[in-house]
């Protein structure tokens, strides 16, 4: 299972624990994230070694969330792939009380354990302004729905507000860490009324060797995130954009770039 510290999330609220539901269409309030970089809304977090995270169209997207998604790959056991946001930093964890979840897709080309899927993480300070209290709360579909409900080459949406979570560090109401004890989200909130959010995100952590997967439709409180590739126009060719906005060597000059849109779009 993923064993790391940084955050994430989407889903429509189900009526029973562990129910998988169809993703809600992206609304006007949805933020479309087109890039994972140190200067974007979502950063690569602790992505390391040969782990990769990017936005692409390889696996499509859940219904209502465009044509692309967040693609994650961890070829080796020590790899990590993450997309992390601090948009909700400083707000109470209770703002995620009923609205937290995401959608996942696992490629059949994966060689990792069949139980492994991208995790939804919420990095928190459980004590608020008091000293100490740092941990990451982690949701993985398996701990709520079991192995029989996990599918390959299929988008599945998870209502994490109705699911079971684990912690990376000692924290109430958990009696153990790293999946040895899992608790309902409502119980975690009740035990930590002063908990403050540090970050949220999607994580494919160490121990996921051979996992090729994707995530999208991330929901955390008032945030609804749609990971989708940027749609370029001929205007992106201007002011040197033909060199900086596209793969190196794709165009010979600005005119070549502009003309490509006239002929292909």
C-alpha atoms as a PDB file:
ATOM      1  CA  UNK A   1       0.000   0.000   0.000  1.00  0.00           C
ATOM      2  CA  UNK A   2       1.114   3.593  -0.412  1.00  0.00           C
ATOM      3  CA  UNK A   3       3.061   4.674   2.670  1.00  0.00           C
ATOM      4  CA  UNK A   4       3.797   8.371   2.368  1.00  0.00           C
ATOM      5  CA  UNK A   5       3.044  11.711   3.733  1.00  0.00           C
ATOM      6  CA  UNK A   6       1.482  14.137   1.400  1.00  0.00           C
ATOM      7  CA  UNK A   7      -1.996  14.783   0.534  1.00  0.00           C
ATOM      8  CA  UNK A   8      -5.401  14.557  -1.782  1.00  0.00           C
ATOM      9  CA  UNK A   9      -9.111  13.763  -3.309  1.00  0.00           C
ATOM     10  CA  UNK A  10     -13.278  13.635  -5.509  1.00  0.00           C
ATOM     11  CA  UNK A  11     -16.590  12.187  -5.427  1.00  0.00           C
ATOM     12  CA  UNK A  12     -20.283  12.405  -5.057  1.00  0.00           C
ATOM     13  CA  UNK A  13     -21.422  11.414  -1.577  1.00  0.00           C
ATOM     14  CA  UNK A  14     -22.591   7.806  -1.410  1.00  0.00           C
ATOM     15  CA  UNK A  15     -25.273   6.581   0.945  1.00  0.00           C
ATOM     16  CA  UNK A  16     -23.396   3.629   2.393  1.00  0.00           C
ATOM     17  CA  UNK A  17     -19.838   2.972   3.456  1.00  0.00           C
ATOM     18  CA  UNK A  18     -17.621   2.105   0.536  1.00  0.00           C
ATOM     19  CA  UNK A  19     -20.173   2.560  -2.201  1.00  0.00           C
ATOM     20  CA  UNK A  20     -18.636   3.430  -5.559  1.00  0.00           C
ATOM     21  CA  UNK A  21     -20.598   6.115  -7.379  1.00  0.00           C
ATOM     22  CA  UNK A  22     -20.435   7.897 -10.717  1.00  0.00           C
ATOM     23  CA  UNK A  23     -18.499  11.155 -10.780  1.00  0.00           C
ATOM     24  CA  UNK A  24     -20.490  14.375 -10.817  1.00  0.00           C
ATOM     25  CA  UNK A  25     -20.020  16.524 -13.917  1.00  0.00           C
ATOM     26  CA  UNK A  26     -17.544  19.365 -13.560  1.00  0.00           C
ATOM     27  CA  UNK A  27     -19.378  22.541 -12.561  1.00  0.00           C
ATOM     28  CA  UNK A  28     -18.663  26.257 -12.829  1.00  0.00           C
ATOM     29  CA  UNK A  29     -16.885  25.990  -9.490  1.00  0.00           C
ATOM     30  CA  UNK A  30     -14.484  23.362 -10.786  1.00  0.00           C
ATOM     31  CA  UNK A  31     -10.827  24.364 -11.078  1.00  0.00           C
ATOM     32  CA  UNK A  32      -9.089  22.905 -14.123  1.00  0.00           C
ATOM     33  CA  UNK A  33      -5.438  22.111 -13.392  1.00  0.00           C
ATOM     34  CA  UNK A  34      -3.341  21.795 -16.557  1.00  0.00           C
ATOM     35  CA  UNK A  35       0.168  21.485 -15.163  1.00  0.00           C
ATOM     36  CA  UNK A  36       2.032  19.821 -12.292  1.00  0.00           C
ATOM     37  CA  UNK A  37       5.106  21.928 -11.593  1.00  0.00           C
ATOM     38  CA  UNK A  38       6.846  23.838  -8.762  1.00  0.00           C
ATOM     39  CA  UNK A  39       5.120  27.045  -9.908  1.00  0.00           C
ATOM     40  CA  UNK A  40       1.604  25.692 -10.506  1.00  0.00           C
ATOM     41  CA  UNK A  41      -1.403  25.186  -8.221  1.00  0.00           C
ATOM     42  CA  UNK A  42      -0.425  21.536  -7.800  1.00  0.00           C
ATOM     43  CA  UNK A  43       3.265  20.737  -7.302  1.00  0.00           C
ATOM     44  CA  UNK A  44       5.121  17.402  -7.701  1.00  0.00           C
ATOM     45  CA  UNK A  45       5.510  17.170  -3.904  1.00  0.00           C
ATOM     46  CA  UNK A  46       7.976  14.465  -2.907  1.00  0.00           C
ATOM     47  CA  UNK A  47       8.055  12.771  -6.314  1.00  0.00           C
ATOM     48  CA  UNK A  48      11.401  10.996  -6.504  1.00  0.00           C
ATOM     49  CA  UNK A  49      13.698   8.590  -8.338  1.00  0.00           C
ATOM     50  CA  UNK A  50      11.978   7.182 -11.444  1.00  0.00           C
ATOM     51  CA  UNK A  51       8.480   8.057 -10.268  1.00  0.00           C
ATOM     52  CA  UNK A  52       6.561  10.363 -12.601  1.00  0.00           C
ATOM     53  CA  UNK A  53       3.459  12.508 -12.335  1.00  0.00           C
ATOM     54  CA  UNK A  54       1.939  14.484 -15.209  1.00  0.00           C
ATOM     55  CA  UNK A  55      -1.348  15.409 -16.815  1.00  0.00           C
ATOM     56  CA  UNK A  56      -2.178  13.472 -19.966  1.00  0.00           C
ATOM     57  CA  UNK A  57      -4.870  11.736 -22.011  1.00  0.00           C
ATOM     58  CA  UNK A  58      -3.610   8.134 -21.894  1.00  0.00           C
ATOM     59  CA  UNK A  59      -6.455   6.908 -19.672  1.00  0.00           C
ATOM     60  CA  UNK A  60      -9.127   9.450 -20.510  1.00  0.00           C
ATOM     61  CA  UNK A  61     -11.138  10.847 -17.597  1.00  0.00           C
ATOM     62  CA  UNK A  62     -14.226  10.174 -15.470  1.00  0.00           C
ATOM     63  CA  UNK A  63     -17.502  11.290 -17.027  1.00  0.00           C
ATOM     64  CA  UNK A  64     -17.865  15.058 -16.873  1.00  0.00           C
ATOM     65  CA  UNK A  65     -14.184  15.759 -16.245  1.00  0.00           C
ATOM     66  CA  UNK A  66     -12.751  16.472 -19.659  1.00  0.00           C
ATOM     67  CA  UNK A  67     -10.442  14.269 -21.708  1.00  0.00           C
ATOM     68  CA  UNK A  68      -7.407  13.851 -19.459  1.00  0.00           C
ATOM     69  CA  UNK A  69      -6.320  13.064 -15.935  1.00  0.00           C
ATOM     70  CA  UNK A  70      -3.406  12.967 -13.511  1.00  0.00           C
ATOM     71  CA  UNK A  71      -1.127  10.113 -14.618  1.00  0.00           C
ATOM     72  CA  UNK A  72       1.179   8.460 -12.070  1.00  0.00           C
ATOM     73  CA  UNK A  73       3.874   5.828 -12.517  1.00  0.00           C
ATOM     74  CA  UNK A  74       6.174   4.194  -9.953  1.00  0.00           C
ATOM     75  CA  UNK A  75       8.378   1.624 -11.734  1.00  0.00           C
ATOM     76  CA  UNK A  76      10.548   0.803  -8.693  1.00  0.00           C
ATOM     77  CA  UNK A  77       9.777   0.142  -5.032  1.00  0.00           C
ATOM     78  CA  UNK A  78      11.422   3.311  -3.721  1.00  0.00           C
ATOM     79  CA  UNK A  79       9.720   5.591  -6.253  1.00  0.00           C
ATOM     80  CA  UNK A  80       7.126   8.197  -5.367  1.00  0.00           C
ATOM     81  CA  UNK A  81       4.727  10.159  -7.539  1.00  0.00           C
ATOM     82  CA  UNK A  82       2.660  12.955  -6.025  1.00  0.00           C
ATOM     83  CA  UNK A  83       0.538  15.983  -6.869  1.00  0.00           C
ATOM     84  CA  UNK A  84       0.079  18.275  -3.879  1.00  0.00           C
ATOM     85  CA  UNK A  85      -1.872  21.463  -3.254  1.00  0.00           C
ATOM     86  CA  UNK A  86      -1.819  23.913  -0.345  1.00  0.00           C
ATOM     87  CA  UNK A  87      -4.956  25.740  -1.505  1.00  0.00           C
ATOM     88  CA  UNK A  88      -6.826  24.701   1.639  1.00  0.00           C
ATOM     89  CA  UNK A  89      -3.903  25.277   4.023  1.00  0.00           C
ATOM     90  CA  UNK A  90      -4.870  26.790   7.357  1.00  0.00           C
ATOM     91  CA  UNK A  91      -8.525  25.775   7.265  1.00  0.00           C
ATOM     92  CA  UNK A  92     -10.107  23.363   9.709  1.00  0.00           C
ATOM     93  CA  UNK A  93     -10.180  19.706   8.696  1.00  0.00           C
ATOM     94  CA  UNK A  94     -13.889  19.728   9.503  1.00  0.00           C
ATOM     95  CA  UNK A  95     -14.479  21.716   6.291  1.00  0.00           C
ATOM     96  CA  UNK A  96     -13.978  18.358   4.565  1.00  0.00           C
ATOM     97  CA  UNK A  97     -16.582  16.675   6.774  1.00  0.00           C
ATOM     98  CA  UNK A  98     -18.914  15.419   4.027  1.00  0.00           C
ATOM     99  CA  UNK A  99     -17.125  16.335   0.819  1.00  0.00           C
ATOM    100  CA  UNK A 100     -13.882  14.518   0.204  1.00  0.00           C
ATOM    101  CA  UNK A 101     -13.051  11.983  -2.473  1.00  0.00           C
ATOM    102  CA  UNK A 102     -11.566  11.301  -5.899  1.00  0.00           C
ATOM    103  CA  UNK A 103     -11.614   8.966  -8.875  1.00  0.00           C
ATOM    104  CA  UNK A 104      -8.961   6.372  -9.756  1.00  0.00           C
ATOM    105  CA  UNK A 105      -7.939   4.298 -12.745  1.00  0.00           C
ATOM    106  CA  UNK A 106      -5.502   1.384 -12.652  1.00  0.00           C
ATOM    107  CA  UNK A 107      -3.983   0.167 -15.918  1.00  0.00           C
ATOM    108  CA  UNK A 108      -3.958  -3.570 -16.579  1.00  0.00           C
ATOM    109  CA  UNK A 109      -0.319  -3.080 -17.579  1.00  0.00           C
ATOM    110  CA  UNK A 110       0.512  -2.659 -13.876  1.00  0.00           C
ATOM    111  CA  UNK A 111       2.568  -5.355 -12.171  1.00  0.00           C
ATOM    112  CA  UNK A 112       2.127  -4.062  -8.610  1.00  0.00           C
ATOM    113  CA  UNK A 113      -0.023  -5.802  -6.009  1.00  0.00           C
ATOM    114  CA  UNK A 114      -3.646  -5.816  -7.218  1.00  0.00           C
ATOM    115  CA  UNK A 115      -4.645  -3.943  -4.053  1.00  0.00           C
ATOM    116  CA  UNK A 116      -2.593  -0.862  -4.897  1.00  0.00           C
ATOM    117  CA  UNK A 117      -4.193   2.273  -6.313  1.00  0.00           C
ATOM    118  CA  UNK A 118      -3.307   5.970  -6.013  1.00  0.00           C
ATOM    119  CA  UNK A 119      -4.033   7.228  -2.507  1.00  0.00           C
ATOM    120  CA  UNK A 120      -5.863  10.327  -1.380  1.00  0.00           C
ATOM    121  CA  UNK A 121      -3.886  12.102   1.323  1.00  0.00           C
ATOM    122  CA  UNK A 122      -4.587  14.949   3.700  1.00  0.00           C
ATOM    123  CA  UNK A 123      -1.567  16.380   5.508  1.00  0.00           C
ATOM    124  CA  UNK A 124      -2.664  17.932   8.833  1.00  0.00           C
ATOM    125  CA  UNK A 125      -1.669  19.541  12.092  1.00  0.00           C
ATOM    126  CA  UNK A 126      -3.987  17.817  14.552  1.00  0.00           C
ATOM    127  CA  UNK A 127      -3.330  20.327  17.358  1.00  0.00           C
ATOM    128  CA  UNK A 128      -3.987  23.448  15.382  1.00  0.00           C
ATOM    129  CA  UNK A 129      -1.920  26.234  16.928  1.00  0.00           C
ATOM    130  CA  UNK A 130      -0.491  23.963  19.648  1.00  0.00           C
ATOM    131  CA  UNK A 131       2.901  22.249  19.314  1.00  0.00           C
ATOM    132  CA  UNK A 132       3.216  18.875  17.574  1.00  0.00           C
ATOM    133  CA  UNK A 133       0.374  16.961  15.987  1.00  0.00           C
ATOM    134  CA  UNK A 134       1.741  16.502  12.454  1.00  0.00           C
ATOM    135  CA  UNK A 135       0.549  13.503  10.444  1.00  0.00           C
ATOM    136  CA  UNK A 136      -0.855  12.520   7.069  1.00  0.00           C
ATOM    137  CA  UNK A 137      -4.272  10.917   6.833  1.00  0.00           C
ATOM    138  CA  UNK A 138      -4.463   8.406   3.998  1.00  0.00           C
ATOM    139  CA  UNK A 139      -7.388   6.917   2.106  1.00  0.00           C
ATOM    140  CA  UNK A 140      -6.899   3.870  -0.126  1.00  0.00           C
ATOM    141  CA  UNK A 141      -9.971   2.203  -1.692  1.00  0.00           C
ATOM    142  CA  UNK A 142      -8.980  -1.321  -0.652  1.00  0.00           C
ATOM    143  CA  UNK A 143      -9.368  -0.649   3.084  1.00  0.00           C
ATOM    144  CA  UNK A 144     -13.009   0.318   2.590  1.00  0.00           C
ATOM    145  CA  UNK A 145     -14.337  -1.808  -0.262  1.00  0.00           C
ATOM    146  CA  UNK A 146     -12.014  -4.820  -0.303  1.00  0.00           C
ATOM    147  CA  UNK A 147     -10.294  -6.366  -3.302  1.00  0.00           C
ATOM    148  CA  UNK A 148     -13.425  -7.628  -5.101  1.00  0.00           C
ATOM    149  CA  UNK A 149     -14.623  -4.091  -5.865  1.00  0.00           C
ATOM    150  CA  UNK A 150     -11.342  -2.926  -7.403  1.00  0.00           C
ATOM    151  CA  UNK A 151     -11.374  -2.887 -11.212  1.00  0.00           C
ATOM    152  CA  UNK A 152      -8.797  -2.573 -13.979  1.00  0.00           C
ATOM    153  CA  UNK A 153      -8.941  -0.168 -16.927  1.00  0.00           C
ATOM    154  CA  UNK A 154     -12.033   1.453 -15.409  1.00  0.00           C
ATOM    155  CA  UNK A 155     -12.655   4.804 -13.751  1.00  0.00           C
ATOM    156  CA  UNK A 156     -14.035   4.374 -10.229  1.00  0.00           C
ATOM    157  CA  UNK A 157     -15.103   7.194  -7.916  1.00  0.00           C
ATOM    158  CA  UNK A 158     -14.592   6.938  -4.179  1.00  0.00           C
ATOM    159  CA  UNK A 159     -16.533   8.788  -1.484  1.00  0.00           C
ATOM    160  CA  UNK A 160     -13.775   9.017   1.106  1.00  0.00           C
ATOM    161  CA  UNK A 161     -16.090  10.788   3.586  1.00  0.00           C
ATOM    162  CA  UNK A 162     -17.806   7.406   3.957  1.00  0.00           C
ATOM    163  CA  UNK A 163     -14.573   5.408   3.936  1.00  0.00           C
ATOM    164  CA  UNK A 164     -11.806   4.173   6.202  1.00  0.00           C
ATOM    165  CA  UNK A 165      -8.485   5.998   6.657  1.00  0.00           C
ATOM    166  CA  UNK A 166      -5.082   5.320   8.203  1.00  0.00           C
ATOM    167  CA  UNK A 167      -2.406   7.580   9.629  1.00  0.00           C
ATOM    168  CA  UNK A 168       1.347   7.874   9.046  1.00  0.00           C
ATOM    169  CA  UNK A 169       2.064   8.974  12.648  1.00  0.00           C
ATOM    170  CA  UNK A 170       0.446   8.333  16.047  1.00  0.00           C
ATOM    171  CA  UNK A 171      -2.891  10.137  16.221  1.00  0.00           C
ATOM    172  CA  UNK A 172      -6.287   9.729  17.832  1.00  0.00           C
ATOM    173  CA  UNK A 173      -8.396   7.650  17.350  1.00  0.00           C
ATOM    174  CA  UNK A 174      -5.857   5.308  15.696  1.00  0.00           C
ATOM    175  CA  UNK A 175      -4.050   2.643  17.722  1.00  0.00           C
ATOM    176  CA  UNK A 176      -1.420   1.922  15.042  1.00  0.00           C
ATOM    177  CA  UNK A 177       0.024   3.488  11.892  1.00  0.00           C
ATOM    178  CA  UNK A 178       0.404   2.640   8.166  1.00  0.00           C
ATOM    179  CA  UNK A 179      -2.784   0.692   7.652  1.00  0.00           C
ATOM    180  CA  UNK A 180      -2.472  -1.507  10.748  1.00  0.00           C
ATOM    181  CA  UNK A 181      -5.534   0.317  12.092  1.00  0.00           C
ATOM    182  CA  UNK A 182      -8.138   2.085   9.956  1.00  0.00           C
ATOM    183  CA  UNK A 183     -10.940   4.367  11.105  1.00  0.00           C
ATOM    184  CA  UNK A 184     -14.007   6.017   9.627  1.00  0.00           C
ATOM    185  CA  UNK A 185     -13.561   9.619   8.507  1.00  0.00           C
ATOM    186  CA  UNK A 186     -16.299  10.775  10.906  1.00  0.00           C
ATOM    187  CA  UNK A 187     -14.417   9.232  13.838  1.00  0.00           C
ATOM    188  CA  UNK A 188     -11.181  10.963  12.806  1.00  0.00           C
ATOM    189  CA  UNK A 189     -12.939  14.345  12.702  1.00  0.00           C
ATOM    190  CA  UNK A 190     -14.643  13.775  16.058  1.00  0.00           C
ATOM    191  CA  UNK A 191     -11.319  12.933  17.715  1.00  0.00           C
ATOM    192  CA  UNK A 192      -9.538  15.979  16.261  1.00  0.00           C
ATOM    193  CA  UNK A 193     -11.851  19.037  16.306  1.00  0.00           C
ATOM    194  CA  UNK A 194      -8.891  21.463  16.134  1.00  0.00           C
ATOM    195  CA  UNK A 195      -7.105  19.761  13.229  1.00  0.00           C
ATOM    196  CA  UNK A 196      -5.885  22.182  10.564  1.00  0.00           C
ATOM    197  CA  UNK A 197      -5.131  21.294   6.943  1.00  0.00           C
ATOM    198  CA  UNK A 198      -1.582  21.644   5.617  1.00  0.00           C
ATOM    199  CA  UNK A 199      -2.058  20.168   2.148  1.00  0.00           C
ATOM    200  CA  UNK A 200      -4.155  17.768   0.117  1.00  0.00           C
ATOM    201  CA  UNK A 201      -3.167  15.667  -2.833  1.00  0.00           C
ATOM    202  CA  UNK A 202      -2.832  12.415  -4.718  1.00  0.00           C
ATOM    203  CA  UNK A 203       0.020  10.101  -3.816  1.00  0.00           C
ATOM    204  CA  UNK A 204       1.496   6.919  -5.212  1.00  0.00           C
ATOM    205  CA  UNK A 205       4.102   6.120  -2.596  1.00  0.00           C
ATOM    206  CA  UNK A 206       6.971   3.780  -1.972  1.00  0.00           C
ATOM    207  CA  UNK A 207       6.107   0.092  -2.122  1.00  0.00           C
ATOM    208  CA  UNK A 208       4.071   0.525  -5.309  1.00  0.00           C
ATOM    209  CA  UNK A 209       6.607  -0.889  -7.776  1.00  0.00           C
ATOM    210  CA  UNK A 210       5.055  -1.422 -11.200  1.00  0.00           C
ATOM    211  CA  UNK A 211       1.914   0.640 -10.572  1.00  0.00           C
ATOM    212  CA  UNK A 212       0.632   2.544 -13.614  1.00  0.00           C
ATOM    213  CA  UNK A 213      -2.452   4.536 -12.715  1.00  0.00           C
ATOM    214  CA  UNK A 214      -4.360   7.795 -12.856  1.00  0.00           C
ATOM    215  CA  UNK A 215      -6.559   9.999 -10.682  1.00  0.00           C
ATOM    216  CA  UNK A 216      -9.015  12.813 -11.300  1.00  0.00           C
ATOM    217  CA  UNK A 217     -12.221  14.499 -10.038  1.00  0.00           C
ATOM    218  CA  UNK A 218     -10.663  15.416  -6.736  1.00  0.00           C
ATOM    219  CA  UNK A 219     -13.006  16.972  -4.180  1.00  0.00           C
ATOM    220  CA  UNK A 220     -12.000  18.429  -0.832  1.00  0.00           C
ATOM    221  CA  UNK A 221     -14.488  20.696   0.899  1.00  0.00           C
ATOM    222  CA  UNK A 222     -15.075  23.603  -1.464  1.00  0.00           C
ATOM    223  CA  UNK A 223     -12.417  22.435  -3.923  1.00  0.00           C
ATOM    224  CA  UNK A 224     -13.309  20.474  -7.048  1.00  0.00           C
ATOM    225  CA  UNK A 225     -10.302  19.720  -9.228  1.00  0.00           C
ATOM    226  CA  UNK A 226     -10.305  18.545 -12.839  1.00  0.00           C
ATOM    227  CA  UNK A 227      -6.873  17.502 -14.118  1.00  0.00           C
ATOM    228  CA  UNK A 228      -6.889  18.135 -17.859  1.00  0.00           C
ATOM    229  CA  UNK A 229      -4.208  18.985 -20.434  1.00  0.00           C
ATOM    230  CA  UNK A 230      -3.950  22.601 -21.506  1.00  0.00           C
ATOM    231  CA  UNK A 231      -5.722  23.399 -24.773  1.00  0.00           C
ATOM    232  CA  UNK A 232      -3.411  25.472 -26.958  1.00  0.00           C
ATOM    233  CA  UNK A 233      -4.353  28.004 -29.639  1.00  0.00           C
ATOM    234  CA  UNK A 234      -2.360  29.845 -32.279  1.00  0.00           C
ATOM    235  CA  UNK A 235      -1.932  32.708 -29.807  1.00  0.00           C
ATOM    236  CA  UNK A 236       0.306  30.427 -27.757  1.00  0.00           C
ATOM    237  CA  UNK A 237       2.778  30.513 -30.655  1.00  0.00           C
ATOM    238  CA  UNK A 238       3.390  34.245 -30.246  1.00  0.00           C
ATOM    239  CA  UNK A 239       6.034  36.087 -28.201  1.00  0.00           C
ATOM    240  CA  UNK A 240       8.371  33.100 -28.348  1.00  0.00           C
ATOM    241  CA  UNK A 241       5.675  30.672 -27.262  1.00  0.00           C
ATOM    242  CA  UNK A 242       6.429  28.431 -30.234  1.00  0.00           C
ATOM    243  CA  UNK A 243       9.645  27.544 -28.370  1.00  0.00           C
ATOM    244  CA  UNK A 244       8.446  27.516 -24.747  1.00  0.00           C
ATOM    245  CA  UNK A 245       4.874  26.190 -24.901  1.00  0.00           C
ATOM    246  CA  UNK A 246       5.501  23.121 -27.028  1.00  0.00           C
ATOM    247  CA  UNK A 247       7.962  20.193 -27.094  1.00  0.00           C
ATOM    248  CA  UNK A 248      11.450  21.247 -28.141  1.00  0.00           C
ATOM    249  CA  UNK A 249      11.872  21.183 -31.910  1.00  0.00           C
ATOM    250  CA  UNK A 250       8.169  20.773 -32.685  1.00  0.00           C
ATOM    251  CA  UNK A 251       8.095  24.006 -34.714  1.00  0.00           C
ATOM    252  CA  UNK A 252      10.758  25.769 -36.812  1.00  0.00           C
ATOM    253  CA  UNK A 253       9.486  29.264 -36.043  1.00  0.00           C
ATOM    254  CA  UNK A 254       6.398  31.234 -35.062  1.00  0.00           C
ATOM    255  CA  UNK A 255       4.897  31.050 -38.539  1.00  0.00           C
ATOM    256  CA  UNK A 256       5.275  27.287 -38.633  1.00  0.00           C
ATOM    257  CA  UNK A 257       3.492  27.068 -35.288  1.00  0.00           C
ATOM    258  CA  UNK A 258       0.630  29.379 -36.273  1.00  0.00           C
ATOM    259  CA  UNK A 259       0.080  27.593 -39.575  1.00  0.00           C
ATOM    260  CA  UNK A 260      -0.193  24.230 -37.844  1.00  0.00           C
ATOM    261  CA  UNK A 261      -3.370  25.419 -36.121  1.00  0.00           C
ATOM    262  CA  UNK A 262      -4.841  26.542 -39.413  1.00  0.00           C
ATOM    263  CA  UNK A 263      -4.302  23.111 -40.954  1.00  0.00           C
ATOM    264  CA  UNK A 264      -5.073  20.790 -38.030  1.00  0.00           C
ATOM    265  CA  UNK A 265      -7.825  22.588 -36.141  1.00  0.00           C
END
